Amino acid sequence: MERRSKLNIYLDNNKDISLEKTHQMQGAIKEMDHILNILKKHKQAETHLENNPKDDVFLFKPIHDQGFIHNAKEFLKDVF
């Protein structure tokens, strides 16, 4: 979220950026939003399964055991 905020502030404060750079930054912001939505859905799936352990229709396994959220955050720090 911090990286996304910095990009938005930079775009708002620097109107003389080339169109190509502006599109690249907007694309990066959209990618971050997409990744954050994926993480949010995985967290919801994890919570659902923890609250409904006998739900055999639900297809996700708990992801906290594997450290998925932690690994995803570390990956995002390296990428962005």
Protein backbone atom coordinates (compact mmCIF):
# COMPACT_ATOMS: atom_id res chain seq x y z
CA MET A 1 0.00 0.00 0.00
CA GLU A 2 2.88 2.36 0.74
CA ARG A 3 4.38 1.90 -2.73
CA ARG A 4 0.97 2.46 -4.33
CA SER A 5 0.47 5.65 -2.33
CA LYS A 6 3.90 6.95 -3.32
CA LEU A 7 3.19 6.32 -7.01
CA ASN A 8 -0.15 8.12 -6.78
CA ILE A 9 1.41 11.10 -5.03
CA TYR A 10 4.22 11.22 -7.59
CA LEU A 11 1.73 11.15 -10.47
CA ASP A 12 -0.39 13.88 -8.86
CA ASN A 13 2.57 16.17 -8.16
CA ASN A 14 4.47 15.73 -11.44
CA LYS A 15 2.29 16.67 -14.37
CA ASP A 16 5.26 16.95 -16.78
CA ILE A 17 5.96 13.18 -16.82
CA SER A 18 5.95 11.61 -20.27
CA LEU A 19 2.84 9.74 -21.31
CA GLU A 20 4.78 6.48 -21.50
CA LYS A 21 6.01 6.78 -17.90
CA THR A 22 2.53 7.74 -16.71
CA HIS A 23 1.07 4.61 -18.31
CA GLN A 24 3.82 2.45 -16.78
CA MET A 25 3.10 3.82 -13.32
CA GLN A 26 -0.66 3.40 -13.74
CA GLY A 27 -0.04 -0.18 -14.89
CA ALA A 28 2.09 -0.83 -11.80
CA ILE A 29 -0.68 0.54 -9.58
CA LYS A 30 -3.24 -1.74 -11.25
CA GLU A 31 -0.93 -4.75 -10.82
CA MET A 32 -0.55 -3.96 -7.11
CA ASP A 33 -4.33 -3.69 -6.75
CA HIS A 34 -4.75 -7.04 -8.49
CA ILE A 35 -2.18 -8.76 -6.25
CA LEU A 36 -3.75 -7.24 -3.13
CA ASN A 37 -7.17 -8.52 -4.23
CA ILE A 38 -5.72 -12.02 -4.71
CA LEU A 39 -4.22 -11.91 -1.22
CA LYS A 40 -7.53 -10.68 0.20
CA LYS A 41 -9.42 -13.58 -1.43
CA HIS A 42 -6.90 -16.10 -0.09
CA LYS A 43 -7.26 -14.63 3.39
CA GLN A 44 -11.06 -14.89 3.11
CA ALA A 45 -10.73 -18.51 1.98
CA GLU A 46 -8.46 -19.24 4.92
CA THR A 47 -10.91 -17.65 7.37
CA HIS A 48 -13.82 -19.53 5.81
CA LEU A 49 -12.11 -22.87 6.21
CA GLU A 50 -11.05 -22.14 9.79
CA ASN A 51 -14.64 -21.26 10.67
CA ASN A 52 -16.12 -24.17 8.69
CA PRO A 53 -13.69 -27.08 9.10
CA LYS A 54 -16.24 -29.66 7.90
CA ASP A 55 -17.01 -27.78 4.71
CA ASP A 56 -15.90 -30.43 2.23
CA VAL A 57 -17.21 -28.43 -0.74
CA PHE A 58 -14.76 -25.61 -0.11
CA LEU A 59 -11.69 -26.23 -2.26
CA PHE A 60 -9.00 -24.20 -0.50
CA LYS A 61 -6.65 -25.52 2.13
CA PRO A 62 -5.52 -23.25 4.98
CA ILE A 63 -2.69 -21.16 3.67
CA HIS A 64 -1.33 -19.80 6.95
CA ASP A 65 0.41 -23.13 7.65
CA GLN A 66 2.53 -22.67 4.55
CA GLY A 67 3.32 -19.04 5.31
CA PHE A 68 1.72 -17.98 2.03
CA ILE A 69 0.80 -14.47 3.16
CA HIS A 70 4.27 -13.87 4.59
CA ASN A 71 5.98 -15.20 1.45
CA ALA A 72 3.71 -13.13 -0.80
CA LYS A 73 4.46 -9.95 1.16
CA GLU A 74 8.21 -10.60 0.93
CA PHE A 75 7.87 -11.24 -2.81
CA LEU A 76 5.96 -7.98 -3.25
CA LYS A 77 8.62 -6.05 -1.35
CA ASP A 78 11.25 -7.37 -3.74
CA VAL A 79 9.17 -6.66 -6.85
CA PHE A 80 7.91 -3.20 -5.91
